[in-house]
């Protein structure tokens, strides 16, 4: 069963190559191959999720574990493992991957085969990041997802795509090299202590680090992750990349690639460098609050619709910084929910921005207005996702932000109050989207068509998802709780969740962590 983990990646890589080849005969074949490839992976990960909910793995937070020696002389293994956190993120990746193919169905008409090759290889890199437990392999997939995204922006982007693509590449590549240096440093420190040179995550977890060495190694990882997140002041690449990328590129960037930074904070920073991370925690939480407020302020001031939505991501990612460095279980669960809810809600707003651009060929909200009268279905879906962005109860973002603020309150009440002000600011920029785009007097005199059947399927799936996360968050919380606790308390053999169930009092029970990985 564990062989399915590398199978997810191989399927995407082969699907991308096949799409590129068959596009010479028919663009339609390339689209269908990409769609079916992602659909197969999505069905497989949902089956694993359902089976895990029915019979969770006992004695371990890891659901599946696959390891094969790759370059044993250097301690490099092809090691992949799946726990609750990576299961959730893979479900989100394949779900939004399907939608990214559907939204490109009409938008992309040039170099269709190469486009789907790049798209599937980006998703393969993201999948590898969420699965790999070997740090050498982790860096490999970290770079794999960077290069095809660079070409997605450079070839199929808008007017200033070249500038945006190179800016994105420089920021992420430079920060990734710092992480590589830290990986090598951790490798040699561990080898010097134990005589065993290994990149394996589970072996490196027990490495004893001197305070200064631990701090420097942690900072190398941290810069890579907060650039990808992105956190202020490392966010400058994001608005340009989003505003110039094709619609699917913006979706993958906002909903998935940003989550690799959040995932890195939880999976690597907190367990591997706990002491160093706790030392900088007050500063990191302050940066998170700064991002919440600064991103909201800049979002409100934008006239480009895609840049506006991009800055909302800067604001929402501040909650992830705040929650991760609070070292609180409730806040960490809020972080996981934020990763899921933000991926769906902000991804939906980028899709809507792309649909509007296809119709009026501008992203300037000063040239929009009155769209509700002409496109009521689009207006209704926009209403749902702007409400989700400002954290309306009943939608997934509310659960995420509520849990984060409740957890952070126990650690830093003043920062919690400042972060809550960011929610008020979110209401302002969300209402501005609705007012400028869908209400008011019509500015565009051309005839506009409402969402097509394909577009309604896309937006309907996203609406159902964000409502499900808001009304029934317990499956997500139950799935991630063990993984979160192991990351926050990597040395504990027995861990109990302090989280109460949102529905029942006994949903989170004391679980023993003894035993080896499956």
Protein backbone atom coordinates (compact mmCIF):
# COMPACT_ATOMS: atom_id res chain seq x y z
CA UNK A 1 0.00 0.00 0.00
CA UNK A 2 2.84 2.40 0.82
CA UNK A 3 4.05 2.22 -2.80
CA UNK A 4 1.20 4.58 -3.63
CA UNK A 5 3.18 7.49 -2.14
CA UNK A 6 5.85 7.64 -4.88
CA UNK A 7 3.07 6.57 -7.24
CA UNK A 8 1.36 9.94 -6.72
CA UNK A 9 4.46 11.74 -7.97
CA UNK A 10 5.28 9.35 -10.81
CA UNK A 11 1.70 9.59 -12.07
CA UNK A 12 1.92 13.38 -12.25
CA UNK A 13 5.35 13.33 -13.94
CA UNK A 14 4.27 10.79 -16.54
CA UNK A 15 0.94 12.56 -17.06
CA UNK A 16 2.78 15.78 -17.77
CA UNK A 17 5.10 14.14 -20.31
CA UNK A 18 2.22 12.33 -22.02
CA UNK A 19 0.15 15.54 -22.20
CA UNK A 20 3.07 17.29 -23.90
CA UNK A 21 3.47 14.47 -26.43
CA UNK A 22 -0.18 14.03 -27.41
CA UNK A 23 -0.80 17.78 -27.70
CA UNK A 24 0.83 17.59 -31.13
CA UNK A 25 -2.16 15.52 -32.28
CA UNK A 26 -4.88 17.22 -30.23
CA UNK A 27 -5.02 19.87 -27.53
CA UNK A 28 -8.14 18.17 -26.21
CA UNK A 29 -6.23 14.95 -25.54
CA UNK A 30 -3.65 16.85 -23.49
CA UNK A 31 -6.36 18.47 -21.38
CA UNK A 32 -8.12 15.18 -20.73
CA UNK A 33 -4.92 13.35 -19.82
CA UNK A 34 -4.06 16.05 -17.28
CA UNK A 35 -7.57 16.00 -15.86
CA UNK A 36 -7.74 12.21 -15.54
CA UNK A 37 -4.25 12.06 -14.01
CA UNK A 38 -5.24 14.44 -11.23
CA UNK A 39 -8.64 12.81 -10.81
CA UNK A 40 -7.01 9.41 -10.28
CA UNK A 41 -4.70 10.82 -7.60
CA UNK A 42 -7.57 12.65 -5.92
CA UNK A 43 -9.74 9.53 -5.74
CA UNK A 44 -6.81 7.54 -4.33
CA UNK A 45 -6.05 10.06 -1.56
CA UNK A 46 -9.73 10.33 -0.61
CA UNK A 47 -9.94 6.53 -0.32
CA UNK A 48 -6.89 6.58 1.99
CA UNK A 49 -8.53 9.37 4.05
CA UNK A 50 -11.79 7.45 4.41
CA UNK A 51 -9.97 4.24 5.37
CA UNK A 52 -7.92 6.11 7.95
CA UNK A 53 -11.02 7.65 9.51
CA UNK A 54 -12.61 4.21 9.79
CA UNK A 55 -9.52 2.51 11.22
CA UNK A 56 -6.80 4.98 12.25
CA UNK A 57 -3.25 3.70 12.52
CA UNK A 58 -2.57 2.59 16.09
CA UNK A 59 0.62 3.47 17.90
CA UNK A 60 1.81 5.97 15.30
CA UNK A 61 0.76 9.24 13.74
CA UNK A 62 2.05 7.96 10.38
CA UNK A 63 -0.47 6.36 8.07
CA UNK A 64 1.91 5.12 5.36
CA UNK A 65 5.70 4.89 5.23
CA UNK A 66 7.81 4.07 2.16
CA UNK A 67 11.61 3.95 2.17
CA UNK A 68 14.14 2.66 -0.35
CA UNK A 69 17.91 3.20 -0.25
CA UNK A 70 18.91 5.64 -2.98
CA UNK A 71 22.50 6.78 -2.37
CA UNK A 72 23.33 4.93 0.88
CA UNK A 73 26.99 5.97 0.87
CA UNK A 74 25.82 9.54 1.51
CA UNK A 75 22.88 8.60 3.73
CA UNK A 76 20.29 9.54 1.10
CA UNK A 77 17.11 7.46 0.95
CA UNK A 78 13.97 7.72 -1.14
CA UNK A 79 11.90 8.07 2.01
CA UNK A 80 8.28 9.20 1.94
CA UNK A 81 5.65 9.10 4.64
CA UNK A 82 2.05 10.19 5.03
CA UNK A 83 0.48 11.50 8.21
CA UNK A 84 -2.70 13.47 8.83
CA UNK A 85 -1.21 16.83 7.86
CA UNK A 86 0.26 15.66 4.58
CA UNK A 87 -2.93 13.72 3.82
CA UNK A 88 -4.99 16.90 4.10
CA UNK A 89 -2.57 18.91 2.00
CA UNK A 90 -2.43 16.25 -0.71
CA UNK A 91 -6.24 16.19 -0.82
CA UNK A 92 -6.20 19.96 -1.30
CA UNK A 93 -3.43 19.71 -3.94
CA UNK A 94 -5.19 17.17 -6.14
CA UNK A 95 -8.61 18.82 -5.72
CA UNK A 96 -7.35 22.24 -6.76
CA UNK A 97 -5.16 20.64 -9.41
CA UNK A 98 -8.31 19.30 -11.07
CA UNK A 99 -9.84 22.78 -10.99
CA UNK A 100 -6.65 24.33 -12.38
CA UNK A 101 -6.98 22.12 -15.47
CA UNK A 102 -10.68 22.98 -15.84
CA UNK A 103 -10.15 26.74 -15.61
CA UNK A 104 -7.42 26.48 -18.27
CA UNK A 105 -9.71 24.66 -20.69
CA UNK A 106 -10.57 27.80 -22.69
CA UNK A 107 -8.00 30.27 -21.37
CA UNK A 108 -4.85 28.51 -22.62
CA UNK A 109 -4.73 28.15 -26.40
CA UNK A 110 -0.99 28.36 -27.14
CA UNK A 111 1.61 25.69 -26.35
CA UNK A 112 -1.08 23.65 -24.65
CA UNK A 113 1.05 20.53 -24.25
CA UNK A 114 3.95 22.40 -22.65
CA UNK A 115 1.50 24.23 -20.40
CA UNK A 116 0.03 21.03 -18.99
CA UNK A 117 3.50 19.56 -18.64
CA UNK A 118 4.56 22.53 -16.50
CA UNK A 119 1.33 22.47 -14.50
CA UNK A 120 1.55 18.78 -13.61
CA UNK A 121 5.26 19.01 -12.81
CA UNK A 122 4.61 21.93 -10.43
CA UNK A 123 2.00 19.79 -8.70
CA UNK A 124 4.42 16.85 -8.63
CA UNK A 125 7.00 19.03 -6.88
CA UNK A 126 4.43 20.23 -4.35
CA UNK A 127 3.32 16.63 -3.75
CA UNK A 128 6.94 15.62 -3.14
CA UNK A 129 7.42 18.45 -0.64
CA UNK A 130 4.39 17.24 1.34
CA UNK A 131 5.54 13.60 1.36
CA UNK A 132 9.32 13.36 1.56
CA UNK A 133 11.06 12.56 4.84
CA UNK A 134 14.60 12.82 3.49
CA UNK A 135 15.95 16.37 3.60
CA UNK A 136 18.06 15.94 0.46
CA UNK A 137 14.96 14.74 -1.38
CA UNK A 138 12.94 17.55 0.20
CA UNK A 139 15.28 20.15 -1.28
CA UNK A 140 15.11 18.38 -4.65
CA UNK A 141 11.31 18.66 -4.76
CA UNK A 142 11.50 22.22 -3.41
CA UNK A 143 13.43 23.11 -6.57
CA UNK A 144 11.29 20.93 -8.87
CA UNK A 145 8.19 22.99 -8.12
CA UNK A 146 10.06 26.26 -8.70
CA UNK A 147 11.24 25.83 -12.30
CA UNK A 148 7.93 24.90 -14.02
CA UNK A 149 6.14 27.69 -12.13
CA UNK A 150 8.76 30.11 -13.47
CA UNK A 151 7.85 29.04 -17.02
CA UNK A 152 4.09 29.20 -16.32
CA UNK A 153 4.48 32.86 -15.44
CA UNK A 154 7.09 33.65 -18.11
CA UNK A 155 5.28 32.07 -21.10
CA UNK A 156 1.56 32.32 -20.31
CA UNK A 157 1.53 35.38 -18.05
CA UNK A 158 0.32 38.91 -18.78
CA UNK A 159 2.08 42.13 -19.81
CA UNK A 160 4.90 42.27 -17.24
CA UNK A 161 5.35 38.52 -17.00
CA UNK A 162 9.11 38.54 -17.60
CA UNK A 163 9.77 40.88 -14.66
CA UNK A 164 7.40 38.95 -12.39
CA UNK A 165 8.85 35.56 -13.35
CA UNK A 166 12.46 36.53 -12.72
CA UNK A 167 11.57 38.28 -9.46
CA UNK A 168 9.76 35.16 -8.28
CA UNK A 169 12.71 32.97 -9.30
CA UNK A 170 15.36 35.11 -7.62
CA UNK A 171 13.49 35.39 -4.30
CA UNK A 172 12.66 31.69 -4.03
CA UNK A 173 15.94 30.38 -5.45
CA UNK A 174 18.13 32.55 -3.19
CA UNK A 175 16.19 31.58 -0.07
CA UNK A 176 16.21 27.93 -1.14
CA UNK A 177 20.01 27.98 -1.32
CA UNK A 178 20.14 29.16 2.29
CA UNK A 179 18.00 26.18 3.24
CA UNK A 180 20.38 23.88 1.36
CA UNK A 181 23.29 25.20 3.42
CA UNK A 182 21.33 24.55 6.62
CA UNK A 183 20.46 21.04 5.48
CA UNK A 184 24.15 20.31 4.89
CA UNK A 185 25.06 21.87 8.23
CA UNK A 186 22.54 19.70 10.06
CA UNK A 187 23.81 16.65 8.15
CA UNK A 188 27.41 17.21 9.24
CA UNK A 189 26.54 18.13 12.84
CA UNK A 190 24.50 14.95 13.22
CA UNK A 191 27.21 12.87 11.57
CA UNK A 192 29.87 14.35 13.83
CA UNK A 193 27.83 13.44 16.93
CA UNK A 194 26.73 9.95 15.97
CA UNK A 195 29.12 8.82 13.25
CA UNK A 196 26.06 8.24 11.05
CA UNK A 197 25.71 10.68 8.18
CA UNK A 198 22.08 10.79 7.14
CA UNK A 199 19.52 13.16 5.64
CA UNK A 200 16.66 11.17 7.17
CA UNK A 201 14.17 13.37 9.01
CA UNK A 202 13.55 10.90 11.82
CA UNK A 203 17.24 10.45 12.58
CA UNK A 204 17.92 14.18 12.47
CA UNK A 205 15.10 14.86 14.95
CA UNK A 206 17.27 13.81 17.86
CA UNK A 207 20.27 15.96 16.93
CA UNK A 208 21.61 17.99 19.87
CA UNK A 209 22.50 21.48 18.68
CA UNK A 210 24.52 24.16 20.45
CA UNK A 211 22.42 27.33 20.80
CA UNK A 212 24.35 29.39 18.24
CA UNK A 213 24.61 26.57 15.73
CA UNK A 214 20.95 25.71 16.15
CA UNK A 215 19.97 29.34 15.60
CA UNK A 216 21.98 29.71 12.39
CA UNK A 217 20.75 26.41 10.97
CA UNK A 218 17.16 27.26 11.87
CA UNK A 219 17.43 30.68 10.19
CA UNK A 220 18.44 29.05 6.90
CA UNK A 221 15.26 26.97 6.91
CA UNK A 222 13.18 29.86 8.22
CA UNK A 223 14.12 32.31 5.47
CA UNK A 224 13.21 29.77 2.78
CA UNK A 225 9.84 29.08 4.36
CA UNK A 226 8.79 32.64 5.14
CA UNK A 227 9.80 33.81 1.66
CA UNK A 228 7.52 31.14 0.20
CA UNK A 229 4.79 31.85 2.77
CA UNK A 230 5.35 34.89 2.30
CA UNK A 231 5.82 36.95 5.45
CA UNK A 232 6.53 40.67 5.59
CA UNK A 233 9.12 41.92 4.58
CA UNK A 234 9.84 38.99 2.21
CA UNK A 235 6.56 39.32 0.32
CA UNK A 236 7.60 41.64 -2.53
CA UNK A 237 7.62 38.89 -5.17
CA UNK A 238 4.06 37.76 -4.49
CA UNK A 239 1.85 40.59 -5.87
CA UNK A 240 3.80 40.73 -9.14
CA UNK A 241 3.77 36.96 -9.61
CA UNK A 242 0.04 36.76 -8.91
CA UNK A 243 -0.97 39.69 -11.07
CA UNK A 244 1.02 38.47 -14.09
CA UNK A 245 0.45 34.69 -13.83
CA UNK A 246 -2.29 32.91 -15.75
CA UNK A 247 -5.35 32.03 -13.70
CA UNK A 248 -4.23 28.48 -12.92
CA UNK A 249 -0.79 29.80 -12.01
CA UNK A 250 -2.30 32.20 -9.50
CA UNK A 251 -4.45 29.40 -8.10
CA UNK A 252 -1.48 27.07 -7.61
CA UNK A 253 0.67 29.86 -6.17
CA UNK A 254 -1.88 31.09 -3.64
CA UNK A 255 -3.62 27.88 -2.71
CA UNK A 256 -0.75 25.38 -2.80
CA UNK A 257 2.75 26.79 -3.18
CA UNK A 258 2.32 29.23 -0.29
CA UNK A 259 1.26 26.26 1.84
CA UNK A 260 4.64 24.61 1.34
CA UNK A 261 6.10 27.45 3.42
CA UNK A 262 3.51 26.93 6.15
CA UNK A 263 4.09 23.17 6.00
CA UNK A 264 7.83 23.71 6.38
CA UNK A 265 7.34 25.77 9.53
CA UNK A 266 5.27 23.03 11.13
CA UNK A 267 7.19 20.01 9.87
CA UNK A 268 10.79 21.23 10.16
CA UNK A 269 11.22 24.44 12.14
CA UNK A 270 9.22 23.45 15.22
CA UNK A 271 10.43 19.83 15.70
CA UNK A 272 14.03 20.13 14.49
CA UNK A 273 14.93 23.50 16.03
CA UNK A 274 12.54 23.82 18.94
CA UNK A 275 14.83 25.79 21.25
CA UNK A 276 15.92 28.26 18.57
CA UNK A 277 12.35 28.63 17.33
CA UNK A 278 11.08 29.38 20.85
CA UNK A 279 13.82 31.97 21.27
CA UNK A 280 12.66 33.92 18.22
CA UNK A 281 8.96 33.16 18.76
CA UNK A 282 7.99 36.65 20.08
CA UNK A 283 9.60 38.30 17.06
CA UNK A 284 8.08 35.80 14.64
CA UNK A 285 4.61 36.32 16.12
CA UNK A 286 5.08 40.09 15.87
CA UNK A 287 6.01 39.68 12.19
CA UNK A 288 2.84 37.64 11.76
CA UNK A 289 0.70 40.42 13.22
CA UNK A 290 2.53 42.99 11.10
CA UNK A 291 1.73 40.91 8.03
CA UNK A 292 -1.95 40.69 8.98
CA UNK A 293 -2.31 44.46 9.31
CA UNK A 294 0.08 45.53 6.55
CA UNK A 295 -1.36 43.08 4.02
CA UNK A 296 -4.91 44.22 4.80
CA UNK A 297 -3.94 47.89 4.40
CA UNK A 298 -2.26 47.32 1.05
CA UNK A 299 -5.13 45.13 -0.16
CA UNK A 300 -7.60 47.95 0.52
CA UNK A 301 -5.49 50.41 -1.51
CA UNK A 302 -5.17 48.31 -4.70
CA UNK A 303 -6.95 49.02 -7.97
CA UNK A 304 -5.73 45.84 -9.72
CA UNK A 305 -8.11 43.05 -8.72
CA UNK A 306 -5.48 40.30 -8.73
CA UNK A 307 -3.00 42.39 -6.72
CA UNK A 308 -5.78 43.12 -4.25
CA UNK A 309 -6.43 39.39 -3.76
CA UNK A 310 -2.66 38.77 -3.59
CA UNK A 311 -2.26 41.14 -0.66
CA UNK A 312 -5.13 39.39 1.14
CA UNK A 313 -2.87 36.31 1.07
CA UNK A 314 -0.09 38.27 2.75
CA UNK A 315 -2.59 39.20 5.45
CA UNK A 316 -3.96 35.69 5.93
CA UNK A 317 -0.52 34.08 6.01
CA UNK A 318 0.23 36.28 9.01
CA UNK A 319 -2.19 34.11 10.99
CA UNK A 320 -0.02 31.10 10.14
CA UNK A 321 3.12 32.78 11.49
CA UNK A 322 1.19 33.80 14.58
CA UNK A 323 -0.24 30.34 15.20
CA UNK A 324 2.89 28.28 14.51
CA UNK A 325 5.15 30.26 16.84
CA UNK A 326 2.65 30.31 19.68
CA UNK A 327 3.55 26.62 20.28
CA UNK A 328 -0.06 26.00 21.24
CA UNK A 329 -2.08 22.99 20.09
CA UNK A 330 -5.29 24.92 19.53
CA UNK A 331 -3.52 27.58 17.48
CA UNK A 332 -1.67 24.91 15.49
CA UNK A 333 -4.97 23.29 14.59
CA UNK A 334 -6.13 26.74 13.50
CA UNK A 335 -3.05 26.93 11.27
CA UNK A 336 -3.99 23.64 9.58
CA UNK A 337 -7.54 24.87 9.03
CA UNK A 338 -6.17 28.16 7.68
CA UNK A 339 -4.07 26.29 5.15
CA UNK A 340 -7.14 24.44 3.90
CA UNK A 341 -9.65 27.31 4.03
CA UNK A 342 -7.31 29.92 2.56
CA UNK A 343 -6.43 27.58 -0.29
CA UNK A 344 -10.09 27.28 -1.23
CA UNK A 345 -11.34 30.83 -0.59
CA UNK A 346 -8.42 32.80 -2.02
CA UNK A 347 -8.03 30.32 -4.86
CA UNK A 348 -11.69 30.93 -5.69
CA UNK A 349 -11.17 34.70 -5.74
CA UNK A 350 -8.27 34.33 -8.18
CA UNK A 351 -10.43 32.11 -10.37
CA UNK A 352 -13.18 34.75 -10.33
CA UNK A 353 -10.62 37.43 -11.23
CA UNK A 354 -9.52 35.29 -14.17
CA UNK A 355 -13.10 34.78 -15.33
CA UNK A 356 -13.74 38.52 -15.21
CA UNK A 357 -10.53 39.20 -17.15
CA UNK A 358 -11.62 36.76 -19.88
CA UNK A 359 -14.81 38.79 -20.31
CA UNK A 360 -13.63 42.42 -20.11
CA UNK A 361 -9.82 42.08 -20.60
CA UNK A 362 -8.87 44.29 -17.68
CA UNK A 363 -8.04 43.78 -14.01
CA UNK A 364 -8.64 47.43 -13.04
CA UNK A 365 -11.55 47.57 -10.61
CA UNK A 366 -12.15 51.22 -11.58
CA UNK A 367 -13.39 49.90 -14.91
CA UNK A 368 -15.77 47.43 -13.28
CA UNK A 369 -19.14 47.78 -11.60
CA UNK A 370 -22.71 46.53 -11.74
CA UNK A 371 -21.71 43.00 -12.66
CA UNK A 372 -24.33 41.46 -10.38
CA UNK A 373 -27.13 42.57 -12.68
CA UNK A 374 -25.44 41.02 -15.71
CA UNK A 375 -23.83 38.00 -14.03
CA UNK A 376 -25.88 37.10 -10.93
CA UNK A 377 -24.42 33.60 -10.51
CA UNK A 378 -20.89 34.97 -10.53
CA UNK A 379 -21.98 37.67 -8.08
CA UNK A 380 -23.46 35.09 -5.70
CA UNK A 381 -20.28 33.02 -5.66
CA UNK A 382 -18.19 36.16 -5.18
CA UNK A 383 -20.36 37.04 -2.19
CA UNK A 384 -19.68 33.63 -0.61
CA UNK A 385 -15.91 33.92 -0.95
CA UNK A 386 -15.61 37.54 0.10
CA UNK A 387 -17.61 36.59 3.21
CA UNK A 388 -15.21 33.69 3.74
CA UNK A 389 -12.26 36.06 3.41
CA UNK A 390 -13.52 38.31 6.17
CA UNK A 391 -14.19 35.27 8.38
CA UNK A 392 -17.98 34.96 8.43
CA UNK A 393 -19.20 32.20 10.80
CA UNK A 394 -20.34 29.11 8.92
CA UNK A 395 -17.45 29.24 6.48
CA UNK A 396 -14.03 27.58 6.80
CA UNK A 397 -11.97 30.73 7.38
CA UNK A 398 -13.92 31.54 10.54
CA UNK A 399 -13.01 28.20 12.14
CA UNK A 400 -9.36 28.69 11.21
CA UNK A 401 -9.06 32.22 12.55
CA UNK A 402 -11.12 31.51 15.65
CA UNK A 403 -8.95 28.55 16.67
CA UNK A 404 -5.78 30.51 15.97
CA UNK A 405 -6.86 33.49 18.03
CA UNK A 406 -8.12 31.32 20.91
CA UNK A 407 -4.78 29.50 21.04
CA UNK A 408 -2.63 32.62 20.71
CA UNK A 409 -4.66 34.41 23.42
CA UNK A 410 -3.25 31.96 25.98
CA UNK A 411 0.28 33.05 25.01
CA UNK A 412 0.13 36.68 23.84
CA UNK A 413 -3.15 38.52 24.50
CA UNK A 414 -1.97 41.85 23.08
CA UNK A 415 -0.91 40.30 19.78
CA UNK A 416 -4.25 38.53 19.66
CA UNK A 417 -6.07 41.85 19.94
CA UNK A 418 -3.97 43.37 17.16
CA UNK A 419 -4.57 40.33 14.95
CA UNK A 420 -8.32 40.62 15.57
CA UNK A 421 -8.13 44.19 14.23
CA UNK A 422 -6.90 42.60 11.02
CA UNK A 423 -10.22 40.80 10.75
CA UNK A 424 -11.98 44.17 10.79
CA UNK A 425 -9.64 45.33 8.02
CA UNK A 426 -10.48 42.16 6.08
CA UNK A 427 -14.13 43.17 6.18
CA UNK A 428 -13.20 46.51 4.62
CA UNK A 429 -11.25 45.16 1.66
CA UNK A 430 -13.74 42.34 1.09
CA UNK A 431 -16.64 44.77 0.93
CA UNK A 432 -14.59 46.94 -1.42
CA UNK A 433 -14.35 44.01 -3.86
CA UNK A 434 -18.11 43.56 -3.81
CA UNK A 435 -18.86 47.27 -4.08
CA UNK A 436 -16.42 48.08 -6.88
CA UNK A 437 -16.95 44.97 -8.99
CA UNK A 438 -20.49 43.75 -8.49
CA UNK A 439 -22.52 46.69 -7.19
CA UNK A 440 -22.86 50.29 -8.26
CA UNK A 441 -23.57 51.57 -11.75
CA UNK A 442 -22.36 49.48 -14.71
CA UNK A 443 -19.13 50.84 -16.17
CA UNK A 444 -18.69 48.31 -18.98
CA UNK A 445 -21.27 48.68 -21.72
CA UNK A 446 -20.43 45.39 -23.48
CA UNK A 447 -22.67 42.36 -23.26
CA UNK A 448 -21.49 40.03 -20.49
CA UNK A 449 -22.34 36.36 -20.08
CA UNK A 450 -22.77 34.68 -16.73
CA UNK A 451 -20.81 31.59 -15.72
CA UNK A 452 -20.85 28.72 -18.18
CA UNK A 453 -21.67 25.15 -17.16
CA UNK A 454 -17.95 24.33 -16.75
CA UNK A 455 -17.39 27.46 -14.67
CA UNK A 456 -20.41 26.68 -12.50
CA UNK A 457 -19.02 23.23 -11.75
CA UNK A 458 -15.71 24.79 -10.69
CA UNK A 459 -17.26 27.44 -8.47
CA UNK A 460 -19.91 25.09 -7.12
CA UNK A 461 -17.24 22.62 -5.96
CA UNK A 462 -15.39 25.44 -4.19
CA UNK A 463 -18.55 26.79 -2.53
CA UNK A 464 -19.45 23.33 -1.22
CA UNK A 465 -15.90 22.86 0.09
CA UNK A 466 -15.71 26.15 2.01
CA UNK A 467 -19.15 25.59 3.54
CA UNK A 468 -18.24 22.03 4.50
CA UNK A 469 -15.08 23.25 6.24
CA UNK A 470 -17.14 25.85 8.10
CA UNK A 471 -20.01 23.60 9.21
CA UNK A 472 -18.23 20.24 9.58
CA UNK A 473 -14.58 20.95 10.47
CA UNK A 474 -14.25 17.92 12.75
CA UNK A 475 -13.00 15.46 10.09
CA UNK A 476 -10.14 17.83 9.27
CA UNK A 477 -9.33 18.44 12.94
CA UNK A 478 -9.47 14.73 13.77
CA UNK A 479 -7.20 13.91 10.84
CA UNK A 480 -4.51 16.43 11.74
CA UNK A 481 -4.51 16.33 15.55
CA UNK A 482 -1.99 13.51 16.02
CA UNK A 483 0.41 14.96 13.46
CA UNK A 484 0.19 18.39 15.08
CA UNK A 485 0.85 17.01 18.54
CA UNK A 486 3.85 14.98 17.34
CA UNK A 487 5.35 18.09 15.74
CA UNK A 488 4.79 20.23 18.82
CA UNK A 489 5.99 17.49 21.21
CA UNK A 490 8.41 15.33 19.17
CA UNK A 491 10.04 13.72 22.21
CA UNK A 492 6.88 12.69 24.04
CA UNK A 493 5.81 9.07 23.93
CA UNK A 494 2.29 9.78 25.10
CA UNK A 495 0.43 12.86 23.97
CA UNK A 496 -3.03 14.09 24.80
CA UNK A 497 -4.79 16.77 22.84
CA UNK A 498 -5.95 19.81 24.77
CA UNK A 499 -8.42 20.55 22.01
CA UNK A 500 -12.07 20.01 22.81
CA UNK A 501 -14.14 18.56 20.01
CA UNK A 502 -16.33 21.06 18.24
CA UNK A 503 -19.15 18.55 18.45
CA UNK A 504 -18.39 15.89 21.02
CA UNK A 505 -16.33 15.91 24.13
CA UNK A 506 -14.42 12.71 23.44
CA UNK A 507 -13.32 13.16 19.82
CA UNK A 508 -9.71 13.77 20.84
CA UNK A 509 -8.51 11.05 23.17
CA UNK A 510 -5.22 10.09 24.76
CA UNK A 511 -3.20 8.09 22.24
CA UNK A 512 0.03 6.19 22.76
CA UNK A 513 2.90 6.95 20.44
CA UNK A 514 5.01 3.91 21.03
CA UNK A 515 6.08 1.54 18.27
CA UNK A 516 7.84 1.92 14.98
CA UNK A 517 6.59 3.50 11.80
CA UNK A 518 4.42 1.39 9.61
